Amino acid sequence: MSQEIELKLTVDEAGLARVPKTGPFAQVDFHAHVPRHLKAIYFDTETNTLRLNGIVLRLRDENGRLVQTLKSKKHFGSLAAGRAEYEFTVRKNRKSPDLKRLPDKIKNDVALLLKADRLHPVFQTDVERKIGYLETPDGDLIEVALDRGLIKSGEREMLVSELELELKKGHPSSLYRIALDLVGTVPLRIGMRSKSERGFALAYGLPPSSIKVETVQLQKSASVEEALEKTLRHCLSHIVANEPALVDARDGEALHQMRVALRRLRAALEIFAPVLDASMSQELMDKARDLSIVLGAARDLDVFRSELLAPLKNNKTPDLEALDKAAEIVQATAWERALGAVRSPEFTHTCLSLALYIEERSWHQAAKGDAAKKMRLALPAKQFAAAALDKRLKKAKALARNMESLSLEERHALRKQLKRLRYAIGFFSSLYGKKKVSLQLQHLSRLQDVFGSLNDLAVAENTVSALVNSDQVSATSAQSPSNILLAKGAGRLLGWHGARADAQWSNAMSTWAKFRKTRAFWRK
């Protein structure tokens, strides 16, 4: 068994041709090794048993040598995919994998998964690979692979054009340093989908899908540093995991999830600020905020059309139709800006920089001359978490002190603070018993649902104001809706959601009272 650690970067044909002439890659001798013609067949059952369990099984012809490879599930939390890999040379005339060649433990696990199911070919890849080796000044050795080719399934085909950096010796941080040297010179995207993932998607007509947030899993004995590292990895992975579905499939849920991921990153940076380098933390915070604003403009228009206008559009009145048309015009532009921001070198650079920051554990630099920070990093995460959760709960309670008389702006501020508390609980809840956490989360979720209606009203107000005053809407065409119709539709919409928010606000009092009385699970 070997441990594969590689960073995959997708790049167009023109960019791939420039790589050997760019930065440190100009020193790589790609002619010292014979190019490989790699023809692989990937196998699974009719019900995709292996894929659904994160296992990849293939036979690959490597210039006349047939190699069987089984790869285990990817480790979540790193852009440089880490996974166990089992490779064996098998007879050249084999038409299917030889599972007997696997180590006993893996062989038994796979047998339990497969049961009586038969393996069959699902798709194939046909790739020309040029390789070279790059040694860094620190002595790390990286295999550089330039891949061009096709993924095929029946009549369907998909182009392959990518750069793979595989760590042969040294520290994973070198992969990110090398990749950062390319950003801005060559148009790169972080390749979150492997050839196998794209192959299965091609075979079954599956577009890339959005990825929802999961709770960070920490050991009960974790230190602050361990919690910090795992939380930042989790936030970064949540951001980049939604990039394919957002950019390639224009998936609205992926846009929403990336925006949530950016908020979680900002919450994490705020929570762990006492042990982080202030300038680096602020730089990341600012970049996350700026991108979140761009994505938020598109997301608000998605919500406006699909959720806020939808309950009223059954009437099909001219004023609401005009409002929807105006929103559609502005929505298209907002989406293009969002996609442009995620496709940009700045996005790739930010993600790679954060990955490098994590791999190098750069917070140690901030702790070098600061004994207090050094001590905090070594503290039990539970102790740190209790203080962080207390702080956010107290802020929420302070904002809700005069619950009955809160203005719309104050309600919105309380909603944001409750979200910060919810993100913090997601970072630390695995340190505590599930039963203790569940009751408080239940009340908090209900409270957030109530506040969601208030946010709907805020989104509706901001959006209709922007639409009524939008030069883009009025200048789009002669058929653009008139301001009179827009104002009429806006009045109808805001009246409906205002009444709904007032009705929901009456529930907020009792829901808040239940939440307030619930004992904080992190307190002894």
Protein backbone atom coordinates (compact mmCIF):
# COMPACT_ATOMS: atom_id res chain seq x y z
CA MET A 1 0.00 0.00 0.00
CA SER A 2 1.14 3.52 -0.73
CA GLN A 3 -0.25 6.86 0.45
CA GLU A 4 -1.06 9.05 -2.52
CA ILE A 5 -0.90 12.80 -1.89
CA GLU A 6 -1.56 14.82 -5.02
CA LEU A 7 -2.91 18.20 -5.97
CA LYS A 8 -4.95 18.23 -9.15
CA LEU A 9 -5.32 21.46 -11.14
CA THR A 10 -7.50 21.81 -14.22
CA VAL A 11 -6.23 24.05 -17.00
CA ASP A 12 -7.22 24.58 -20.63
CA GLU A 13 -5.12 23.25 -23.53
CA ALA A 14 -3.36 26.57 -24.15
CA GLY A 15 -2.51 26.95 -20.47
CA LEU A 16 -1.26 23.37 -20.22
CA ALA A 17 1.11 24.02 -23.13
CA ARG A 18 2.54 27.03 -21.26
CA VAL A 19 3.21 25.16 -18.00
CA PRO A 20 6.66 23.75 -19.03
CA LYS A 21 7.85 27.29 -19.78
CA THR A 22 6.54 28.88 -16.59
CA GLY A 23 8.25 29.55 -13.25
CA PRO A 24 9.82 26.51 -11.57
CA PHE A 25 8.43 24.19 -14.26
CA ALA A 26 10.93 25.63 -16.75
CA GLN A 27 13.57 23.62 -14.85
CA VAL A 28 11.67 20.32 -15.21
CA ASP A 29 12.99 18.00 -17.90
CA PHE A 30 9.83 16.55 -19.40
CA HIS A 31 11.93 14.89 -22.16
CA ALA A 32 13.91 12.72 -19.74
CA HIS A 33 10.97 10.34 -19.41
CA VAL A 34 9.08 8.58 -22.18
CA PRO A 35 5.49 9.92 -22.38
CA ARG A 36 2.98 7.43 -21.08
CA HIS A 37 -0.09 6.34 -22.97
CA LEU A 38 -2.54 5.45 -20.21
CA LYS A 39 -5.68 3.55 -21.15
CA ALA A 40 -7.80 2.64 -18.13
CA ILE A 41 -11.10 0.86 -17.56
CA TYR A 42 -13.01 1.61 -14.36
CA PHE A 43 -15.24 -1.03 -12.77
CA ASP A 44 -18.23 -1.10 -10.46
CA THR A 45 -21.46 -3.00 -9.84
CA GLU A 46 -24.82 -2.20 -11.44
CA THR A 47 -25.76 -0.33 -8.25
CA ASN A 48 -22.44 1.56 -7.97
CA THR A 49 -21.51 -0.14 -4.70
CA LEU A 50 -17.84 0.84 -4.85
CA ARG A 51 -18.42 4.45 -5.89
CA LEU A 52 -20.97 4.99 -3.14
CA ASN A 53 -18.39 3.77 -0.61
CA GLY A 54 -15.63 6.02 -1.95
CA ILE A 55 -13.68 3.18 -3.60
CA VAL A 56 -12.13 3.37 -7.08
CA LEU A 57 -11.14 0.17 -8.93
CA ARG A 58 -9.49 0.19 -12.34
CA LEU A 59 -7.27 -1.70 -14.76
CA ARG A 60 -4.81 0.55 -16.58
CA ASP A 61 -2.57 -0.23 -19.52
CA GLU A 62 0.62 1.75 -18.97
CA ASN A 63 2.62 1.47 -22.20
CA GLY A 64 1.96 -2.27 -22.41
CA ARG A 65 2.02 -3.08 -18.67
CA LEU A 66 -1.39 -3.82 -17.10
CA VAL A 67 -1.76 -2.37 -13.58
CA GLN A 68 -4.66 -2.94 -11.22
CA THR A 69 -5.34 -0.09 -8.79
CA LEU A 70 -7.74 0.22 -5.89
CA LYS A 71 -8.02 3.61 -4.18
CA SER A 72 -9.77 4.10 -0.86
CA LYS A 73 -12.02 6.98 0.15
CA LYS A 74 -10.50 10.47 -0.02
CA HIS A 75 -9.53 12.13 3.23
CA PHE A 76 -11.85 15.10 3.73
CA GLY A 77 -10.25 18.40 4.57
CA SER A 78 -7.31 18.81 2.23
CA LEU A 79 -7.09 20.13 -1.31
CA ALA A 80 -4.21 17.74 -1.92
CA ALA A 81 -6.17 14.50 -1.96
CA GLY A 82 -4.79 11.97 0.47
CA ARG A 83 -5.93 8.38 0.08
CA ALA A 84 -4.62 4.83 0.37
CA GLU A 85 -3.68 3.21 -2.94
CA TYR A 86 -3.06 -0.48 -3.71
CA GLU A 87 -1.33 -1.24 -7.03
CA PHE A 88 -0.34 -4.57 -8.61
CA THR A 89 0.84 -5.62 -12.02
CA VAL A 90 -1.54 -8.27 -13.41
CA ARG A 91 -1.59 -10.48 -16.51
CA LYS A 92 -1.90 -8.39 -19.64
CA ASN A 93 -4.83 -10.42 -20.96
CA ARG A 94 -7.04 -9.91 -17.89
CA LYS A 95 -10.45 -8.44 -18.65
CA SER A 96 -11.56 -7.83 -15.07
CA PRO A 97 -9.87 -7.01 -11.73
CA ASP A 98 -8.23 -9.75 -9.70
CA LEU A 99 -9.54 -9.10 -6.17
CA LYS A 100 -7.45 -11.96 -4.78
CA ARG A 101 -4.37 -9.79 -5.16
CA LEU A 102 -5.60 -7.34 -2.53
CA PRO A 103 -4.34 -7.48 1.08
CA ASP A 104 -6.56 -9.69 3.26
CA LYS A 105 -8.21 -6.87 5.20
CA ILE A 106 -9.05 -4.88 2.08
CA LYS A 107 -10.08 -8.01 0.18
CA ASN A 108 -12.53 -8.97 2.94
CA ASP A 109 -13.95 -5.44 3.17
CA VAL A 110 -14.52 -5.30 -0.60
CA ALA A 111 -16.06 -8.81 -0.59
CA LEU A 112 -18.52 -7.73 2.12
CA LEU A 113 -19.51 -4.72 0.04
CA LEU A 114 -19.87 -6.62 -3.22
CA LYS A 115 -21.57 -9.74 -1.80
CA ALA A 116 -22.85 -11.53 -4.91
CA ASP A 117 -22.80 -8.44 -7.16
CA ARG A 118 -20.72 -8.69 -10.31
CA LEU A 119 -18.25 -6.06 -11.47
CA HIS A 120 -18.57 -4.61 -14.95
CA PRO A 121 -16.83 -1.84 -16.94
CA VAL A 122 -18.45 1.58 -16.49
CA PHE A 123 -16.19 3.95 -18.45
CA GLN A 124 -12.67 4.28 -19.77
CA THR A 125 -9.97 6.92 -19.97
CA ASP A 126 -7.43 7.45 -22.72
CA VAL A 127 -4.72 9.90 -21.63
CA GLU A 128 -1.31 10.98 -22.87
CA ARG A 129 0.83 11.85 -19.88
CA LYS A 130 4.11 13.73 -19.83
CA ILE A 131 5.98 13.56 -16.56
CA GLY A 132 8.93 15.27 -14.98
CA TYR A 133 10.32 15.72 -11.49
CA LEU A 134 10.77 18.93 -9.58
CA GLU A 135 12.98 19.22 -6.52
CA THR A 136 12.31 22.21 -4.28
CA PRO A 137 15.03 24.19 -2.46
CA ASP A 138 13.95 22.38 0.72
CA GLY A 139 14.59 18.99 -0.87
CA ASP A 140 10.98 17.99 -1.48
CA LEU A 141 10.42 15.89 -4.61
CA ILE A 142 7.29 16.37 -6.71
CA GLU A 143 6.17 14.40 -9.75
CA VAL A 144 4.68 16.78 -12.30
CA ALA A 145 2.21 15.20 -14.74
CA LEU A 146 0.68 16.95 -17.76
CA ASP A 147 -2.43 15.02 -18.83
CA ARG A 148 -4.29 15.39 -22.13
CA GLY A 149 -6.96 13.01 -23.32
CA LEU A 150 -10.54 11.80 -23.05
CA ILE A 151 -12.95 10.12 -20.70
CA LYS A 152 -15.39 7.92 -22.63
CA SER A 153 -18.62 6.13 -21.79
CA GLY A 154 -20.52 4.74 -24.75
CA GLU A 155 -21.02 7.62 -27.18
CA ARG A 156 -20.27 10.25 -24.55
CA GLU A 157 -16.89 11.91 -24.27
CA MET A 158 -15.25 14.45 -21.95
CA LEU A 159 -11.93 16.22 -22.45
CA VAL A 160 -9.11 15.84 -19.94
CA SER A 161 -6.64 18.71 -19.61
CA GLU A 162 -4.99 18.90 -16.22
CA LEU A 163 -1.85 19.24 -14.19
CA GLU A 164 -1.17 16.81 -11.35
CA LEU A 165 1.39 17.48 -8.65
CA GLU A 166 2.14 14.33 -6.65
CA LEU A 167 4.30 14.44 -3.56
CA LYS A 168 7.02 11.77 -3.73
CA LYS A 169 9.12 13.04 -0.84
CA GLY A 170 8.75 15.88 1.63
CA HIS A 171 5.89 17.97 3.00
CA PRO A 172 2.47 18.61 1.34
CA SER A 173 2.97 22.37 1.69
CA SER A 174 5.40 22.25 -1.25
CA LEU A 175 2.51 21.30 -3.57
CA TYR A 176 0.68 24.53 -2.70
CA ARG A 177 3.80 26.67 -3.03
CA ILE A 178 4.43 25.32 -6.52
CA ALA A 179 0.78 25.81 -7.54
CA LEU A 180 0.82 29.39 -6.24
CA ASP A 181 3.75 30.12 -8.56
CA LEU A 182 1.45 29.36 -11.51
CA VAL A 183 -1.65 31.30 -10.47
CA GLY A 184 -2.02 34.48 -12.50
CA THR A 185 0.26 33.19 -15.26
CA VAL A 186 -1.78 30.14 -16.23
CA PRO A 187 -5.59 30.00 -15.76
CA LEU A 188 -5.95 27.30 -13.09
CA ARG A 189 -8.85 25.78 -11.23
CA ILE A 190 -8.45 23.47 -8.26
CA GLY A 191 -9.46 20.05 -9.56
CA MET A 192 -11.80 18.78 -6.87
CA ARG A 193 -13.22 16.04 -9.12
CA SER A 194 -10.95 13.13 -10.01
CA LYS A 195 -11.05 11.35 -13.37
CA SER A 196 -13.08 8.60 -11.71
CA GLU A 197 -15.66 11.08 -10.37
CA ARG A 198 -15.99 12.73 -13.76
CA GLY A 199 -16.16 9.35 -15.46
CA PHE A 200 -19.07 8.14 -13.33
CA ALA A 201 -20.80 11.48 -13.83
CA LEU A 202 -20.38 11.10 -17.60
CA ALA A 203 -21.59 7.49 -17.58
CA TYR A 204 -24.75 8.22 -15.61
CA GLY A 205 -25.44 11.77 -16.74
CA LEU A 206 -24.84 13.17 -13.27
CA PRO A 207 -24.00 16.88 -13.03
CA PRO A 208 -21.70 17.92 -10.19
CA SER A 209 -23.79 18.40 -7.07
CA SER A 210 -23.74 20.85 -4.17
CA ILE A 211 -22.16 19.79 -0.90
CA LYS A 212 -23.83 20.63 2.40
CA VAL A 213 -22.06 21.43 5.62
CA GLU A 214 -21.24 18.68 8.09
CA THR A 215 -20.32 18.92 11.77
CA VAL A 216 -16.58 19.10 12.43
CA GLN A 217 -15.55 15.85 14.12
CA LEU A 218 -13.04 16.35 16.94
CA GLN A 219 -11.56 13.94 19.43
CA LYS A 220 -12.84 14.63 22.96
CA SER A 221 -9.21 15.14 24.00
CA ALA A 222 -8.41 17.56 21.14
CA SER A 223 -6.26 20.61 21.83
CA VAL A 224 -7.08 24.11 20.60
CA GLU A 225 -4.52 23.69 17.83
CA GLU A 226 -6.09 20.44 16.66
CA ALA A 227 -9.54 22.03 16.68
CA LEU A 228 -8.21 25.06 14.78
CA GLU A 229 -6.55 22.97 12.07
CA LYS A 230 -9.52 20.67 11.56
CA THR A 231 -12.01 23.55 11.52
CA LEU A 232 -10.06 25.55 8.93
CA ARG A 233 -9.64 22.44 6.76
CA HIS A 234 -13.35 21.79 7.03
CA CYS A 235 -14.28 25.34 6.02
CA LEU A 236 -11.88 25.35 3.07
CA SER A 237 -13.12 21.98 1.83
CA HIS A 238 -16.73 23.17 2.06
CA ILE A 239 -15.86 26.18 -0.12
CA VAL A 240 -13.98 24.37 -2.88
CA ALA A 241 -16.22 21.28 -2.90
CA ASN A 242 -19.05 23.49 -4.23
CA GLU A 243 -16.96 25.08 -6.98
CA PRO A 244 -17.65 22.41 -9.69
CA ALA A 245 -21.43 22.47 -9.22
CA LEU A 246 -21.44 26.28 -9.16
CA VAL A 247 -19.16 26.91 -12.15
CA ASP A 248 -19.93 23.90 -14.35
CA ALA A 249 -23.61 23.34 -13.55
CA ARG A 250 -24.68 26.85 -12.43
CA ASP A 251 -26.33 25.16 -9.44
CA GLY A 252 -28.13 27.65 -7.22
CA GLU A 253 -27.78 25.43 -4.15
CA ALA A 254 -24.00 25.25 -4.71
CA LEU A 255 -23.89 29.05 -4.75
CA HIS A 256 -25.82 29.07 -1.47
CA GLN A 257 -23.55 26.45 0.09
CA MET A 258 -20.38 28.29 -0.94
CA ARG A 259 -21.76 31.43 0.63
CA VAL A 260 -22.53 29.49 3.83
CA ALA A 261 -18.99 28.07 3.73
CA LEU A 262 -17.52 31.57 3.47
CA ARG A 263 -19.58 32.68 6.47
CA ARG A 264 -18.35 29.65 8.42
CA LEU A 265 -14.76 30.51 7.53
CA ARG A 266 -15.24 34.06 8.78
CA ALA A 267 -16.83 32.72 11.97
CA ALA A 268 -13.89 30.34 12.48
CA LEU A 269 -11.34 33.12 11.96
CA GLU A 270 -13.18 35.26 14.48
CA ILE A 271 -13.44 32.46 17.07
CA PHE A 272 -9.77 31.44 16.78
CA ALA A 273 -8.48 35.03 16.50
CA PRO A 274 -6.72 34.79 19.91
CA VAL A 275 -4.26 32.23 18.47
CA LEU A 276 -3.98 33.46 14.87
CA ASP A 277 -1.74 35.97 13.18
CA ALA A 278 -3.85 39.14 13.10
CA SER A 279 -2.79 40.39 9.65
CA MET A 280 -3.24 37.02 7.92
CA SER A 281 -6.55 36.44 9.65
CA GLN A 282 -7.83 39.87 8.62
CA GLU A 283 -6.71 39.39 5.02
CA LEU A 284 -8.59 36.09 4.78
CA MET A 285 -11.60 37.63 6.54
CA ASP A 286 -11.71 40.49 4.03
CA LYS A 287 -11.41 38.19 1.00
CA ALA A 288 -14.13 35.89 2.34
CA ARG A 289 -16.39 38.88 2.99
CA ASP A 290 -15.83 40.40 -0.47
CA LEU A 291 -16.58 37.13 -2.25
CA SER A 292 -19.59 36.53 -0.01
CA ILE A 293 -21.02 39.92 -1.01
CA VAL A 294 -20.75 39.06 -4.72
CA LEU A 295 -22.32 35.64 -4.22
CA GLY A 296 -24.93 37.14 -1.92
CA ALA A 297 -26.23 39.47 -4.64
CA ALA A 298 -26.96 36.48 -6.89
CA ARG A 299 -28.34 34.39 -4.02
CA ASP A 300 -30.75 37.13 -2.90
CA LEU A 301 -32.18 37.37 -6.42
CA ASP A 302 -32.53 33.59 -6.58
CA VAL A 303 -34.46 33.65 -3.31
CA PHE A 304 -36.49 36.67 -4.42
CA ARG A 305 -37.73 34.97 -7.58
CA SER A 306 -38.07 31.37 -6.43
CA GLU A 307 -39.26 31.84 -2.85
CA LEU A 308 -40.52 35.37 -2.20
CA LEU A 309 -42.42 36.02 -5.42
CA ALA A 310 -43.52 32.41 -5.88
CA PRO A 311 -46.38 32.39 -3.30
CA LEU A 312 -47.98 35.43 -4.98
CA LYS A 313 -47.30 34.66 -8.65
CA ASN A 314 -50.26 32.29 -8.99
CA ASN A 315 -52.39 35.38 -9.48
CA LYS A 316 -50.29 36.25 -12.56
CA THR A 317 -51.07 39.94 -12.17
CA PRO A 318 -49.17 42.34 -14.51
CA ASP A 319 -47.45 44.10 -11.61
CA LEU A 320 -45.96 40.90 -10.15
CA GLU A 321 -45.03 39.64 -13.62
CA ALA A 322 -43.24 42.96 -14.19
CA LEU A 323 -41.40 42.61 -10.88
CA ASP A 324 -40.30 39.09 -11.81
CA LYS A 325 -39.13 40.24 -15.25
CA ALA A 326 -37.06 43.04 -13.72
CA ALA A 327 -35.55 40.62 -11.21
CA GLU A 328 -34.68 38.18 -14.02
CA ILE A 329 -32.75 40.90 -15.87
CA VAL A 330 -30.68 41.85 -12.82
CA GLN A 331 -30.31 38.22 -11.71
CA ALA A 332 -28.51 37.28 -14.94
CA THR A 333 -25.90 39.99 -14.38
CA ALA A 334 -25.48 39.08 -10.69
CA TRP A 335 -24.87 35.45 -11.62
CA GLU A 336 -22.25 36.36 -14.21
CA ARG A 337 -20.43 38.43 -11.60
CA ALA A 338 -20.59 35.56 -9.11
CA LEU A 339 -19.29 33.04 -11.65
CA GLY A 340 -16.55 35.46 -12.73
CA ALA A 341 -15.42 35.87 -9.13
CA VAL A 342 -15.21 32.09 -8.55
CA ARG A 343 -13.46 31.49 -11.89
CA SER A 344 -10.94 34.23 -11.16
CA PRO A 345 -7.25 33.70 -10.30
CA GLU A 346 -7.97 35.56 -7.05
CA PHE A 347 -10.33 32.79 -5.90
CA THR A 348 -7.80 30.05 -6.72
CA HIS A 349 -5.00 32.04 -5.08
CA THR A 350 -7.03 32.57 -1.89
CA CYS A 351 -7.91 28.87 -1.58
CA LEU A 352 -4.33 27.75 -2.21
CA SER A 353 -2.99 30.37 0.23
CA LEU A 354 -5.35 29.18 2.96
CA ALA A 355 -4.37 25.56 2.25
CA LEU A 356 -0.70 26.51 2.54
CA TYR A 357 -1.38 28.42 5.77
CA ILE A 358 -3.00 25.29 7.23
CA GLU A 359 -0.36 22.82 6.02
CA GLU A 360 2.48 24.95 7.41
CA ARG A 361 0.57 25.63 10.63
CA SER A 362 1.57 29.22 10.21
CA TRP A 363 -0.13 30.23 13.45
CA HIS A 364 3.06 29.06 15.16
CA GLN A 365 4.77 32.14 13.72
CA ALA A 366 2.32 34.35 15.60
CA ALA A 367 2.90 32.35 18.78
CA LYS A 368 6.71 32.57 18.62
CA GLY A 369 6.98 35.81 20.52
CA ASP A 370 3.68 35.50 22.36
CA ALA A 371 3.66 33.11 25.32
CA ALA A 372 -0.09 33.57 25.85
CA LYS A 373 -0.89 32.43 22.30
CA LYS A 374 1.45 29.48 22.64
CA MET A 375 -0.30 28.42 25.85
CA ARG A 376 -3.75 28.79 24.30
CA LEU A 377 -2.82 26.52 21.38
CA ALA A 378 -1.99 23.75 23.86
CA LEU A 379 -5.16 24.17 25.94
CA PRO A 380 -7.92 21.53 25.79
CA ALA A 381 -10.31 22.49 22.99
CA LYS A 382 -13.24 21.96 25.38
CA GLN A 383 -12.01 24.77 27.63
CA PHE A 384 -11.51 27.13 24.68
CA ALA A 385 -14.88 26.13 23.16
CA ALA A 386 -16.80 26.87 26.37
CA ALA A 387 -15.45 30.43 26.44
CA ALA A 388 -16.14 30.96 22.72
CA LEU A 389 -19.70 29.61 22.93
CA ASP A 390 -20.41 31.61 26.09
CA LYS A 391 -19.27 34.79 24.37
CA ARG A 392 -21.63 34.27 21.42
CA LEU A 393 -24.57 33.26 23.58
CA LYS A 394 -24.12 36.34 25.79
CA LYS A 395 -24.04 38.61 22.73
CA ALA A 396 -27.29 37.08 21.46
CA LYS A 397 -28.96 37.48 24.86
CA ALA A 398 -27.81 41.10 25.09
CA LEU A 399 -29.34 41.87 21.68
CA ALA A 400 -32.60 40.15 22.69
CA ARG A 401 -32.89 41.95 26.05
CA ASN A 402 -35.89 44.01 24.87
CA MET A 403 -37.28 41.41 22.50
CA GLU A 404 -40.76 42.91 22.19
CA SER A 405 -39.55 46.31 20.97
CA LEU A 406 -36.71 45.36 18.60
CA SER A 407 -36.59 47.31 15.34
CA LEU A 408 -36.22 45.48 12.02
CA GLU A 409 -32.48 46.30 12.00
CA GLU A 410 -32.08 45.02 15.58
CA ARG A 411 -33.93 41.82 14.71
CA HIS A 412 -31.59 41.34 11.76
CA ALA A 413 -28.55 41.88 14.02
CA LEU A 414 -29.91 39.26 16.45
CA ARG A 415 -30.46 36.83 13.58
CA LYS A 416 -26.82 37.22 12.48
CA GLN A 417 -25.58 36.66 16.02
CA LEU A 418 -27.65 33.48 16.30
CA LYS A 419 -26.06 32.28 13.07
CA ARG A 420 -22.59 32.90 14.51
CA LEU A 421 -23.59 30.87 17.55
CA ARG A 422 -24.89 28.08 15.30
CA TYR A 423 -21.61 27.96 13.35
CA ALA A 424 -19.62 27.85 16.59
CA ILE A 425 -21.73 24.96 17.84
CA GLY A 426 -21.03 23.16 14.56
CA PHE A 427 -17.30 23.55 15.15
CA PHE A 428 -17.31 22.28 18.73
CA SER A 429 -20.40 20.12 19.34
CA SER A 430 -18.53 16.83 18.75
CA LEU A 431 -16.61 17.55 21.98
CA TYR A 432 -19.86 17.03 23.91
CA GLY A 433 -22.51 14.33 24.22
CA LYS A 434 -25.12 14.26 21.45
CA LYS A 435 -28.06 14.35 23.85
CA LYS A 436 -26.76 17.49 25.53
CA VAL A 437 -26.32 19.24 22.20
CA SER A 438 -29.53 18.14 20.48
CA LEU A 439 -32.07 19.97 22.69
CA GLN A 440 -30.31 23.31 22.41
CA LEU A 441 -29.82 22.86 18.67
CA GLN A 442 -33.50 22.01 18.30
CA HIS A 443 -34.60 25.28 19.93
CA LEU A 444 -31.93 27.25 18.05
CA SER A 445 -33.05 25.79 14.70
CA ARG A 446 -36.67 26.75 15.40
CA LEU A 447 -35.59 30.23 16.37
CA GLN A 448 -33.60 30.58 13.16
CA ASP A 449 -36.65 29.45 11.15
CA VAL A 450 -38.68 32.25 12.74
CA PHE A 451 -35.96 34.76 11.96
CA GLY A 452 -35.83 33.45 8.40
CA SER A 453 -39.21 35.06 7.75
CA LEU A 454 -37.84 38.37 8.99
CA ASN A 455 -34.88 38.01 6.69
CA ASP A 456 -37.26 37.31 3.79
CA LEU A 457 -38.83 40.71 4.42
CA ALA A 458 -35.40 42.40 4.53
CA VAL A 459 -34.35 40.71 1.27
CA ALA A 460 -37.66 41.69 -0.34
CA GLU A 461 -37.29 45.34 0.73
CA ASN A 462 -33.69 45.64 -0.44
CA THR A 463 -34.38 43.88 -3.75
CA VAL A 464 -37.49 45.82 -4.77
CA SER A 465 -35.74 49.08 -3.88
CA ALA A 466 -32.83 48.13 -6.13
CA LEU A 467 -35.14 47.00 -8.96
CA VAL A 468 -37.30 50.13 -8.93
CA ASN A 469 -34.18 52.32 -9.08
CA SER A 470 -32.17 50.12 -11.48
CA ASP A 471 -30.84 51.78 -14.65
CA GLN A 472 -30.10 48.29 -15.96
CA VAL A 473 -33.78 47.32 -15.86
CA SER A 474 -35.03 50.49 -17.53
CA ALA A 475 -32.34 50.45 -20.22
CA THR A 476 -32.54 46.76 -21.17
CA SER A 477 -35.22 46.98 -23.84
CA ALA A 478 -38.36 48.76 -24.96
CA GLN A 479 -40.31 45.94 -23.28
CA SER A 480 -38.78 46.63 -19.87
CA PRO A 481 -41.41 46.94 -17.13
CA SER A 482 -42.46 50.46 -16.16
CA ASN A 483 -41.67 51.94 -12.78
CA ILE A 484 -45.39 52.27 -12.05
CA LEU A 485 -45.95 48.54 -12.48
CA LEU A 486 -42.81 47.76 -10.48
CA ALA A 487 -43.90 50.02 -7.62
CA LYS A 488 -47.34 48.43 -7.59
CA GLY A 489 -45.87 44.92 -7.53
CA ALA A 490 -43.41 45.96 -4.84
CA GLY A 491 -46.23 47.25 -2.64
CA ARG A 492 -48.20 44.04 -3.02
CA LEU A 493 -45.12 41.87 -2.28
CA LEU A 494 -43.93 43.86 0.74
CA GLY A 495 -47.42 43.98 2.19
CA TRP A 496 -47.76 40.20 1.98
CA HIS A 497 -44.34 39.47 3.49
CA GLY A 498 -44.72 42.22 6.09
CA ALA A 499 -47.92 40.61 7.37
CA ARG A 500 -46.25 37.20 7.35
CA ALA A 501 -43.25 38.55 9.30
CA ASP A 502 -45.54 40.15 11.90
CA ALA A 503 -47.34 36.84 12.37
CA GLN A 504 -44.06 34.99 12.71
CA TRP A 505 -42.67 37.52 15.16
CA SER A 506 -45.35 36.58 17.67
CA ASN A 507 -43.86 33.05 17.63
CA ALA A 508 -40.39 34.46 18.20
CA MET A 509 -41.20 35.43 21.79
CA SER A 510 -42.18 31.95 22.92
CA THR A 511 -39.44 30.27 20.88
CA TRP A 512 -36.83 32.60 22.36
CA ALA A 513 -38.12 31.93 25.89
CA LYS A 514 -37.65 28.16 25.37
CA PHE A 515 -34.18 28.69 23.93
CA ARG A 516 -33.17 31.05 26.73
CA LYS A 517 -34.24 28.59 29.44
CA THR A 518 -32.31 25.69 27.89
CA ARG A 519 -29.13 24.97 29.84
CA ALA A 520 -26.01 25.57 27.72
CA PHE A 521 -24.63 22.11 26.96
CA TRP A 522 -21.02 23.25 27.30
CA ARG A 523 -21.45 24.29 30.94
CA LYS A 524 -20.91 21.79 33.73
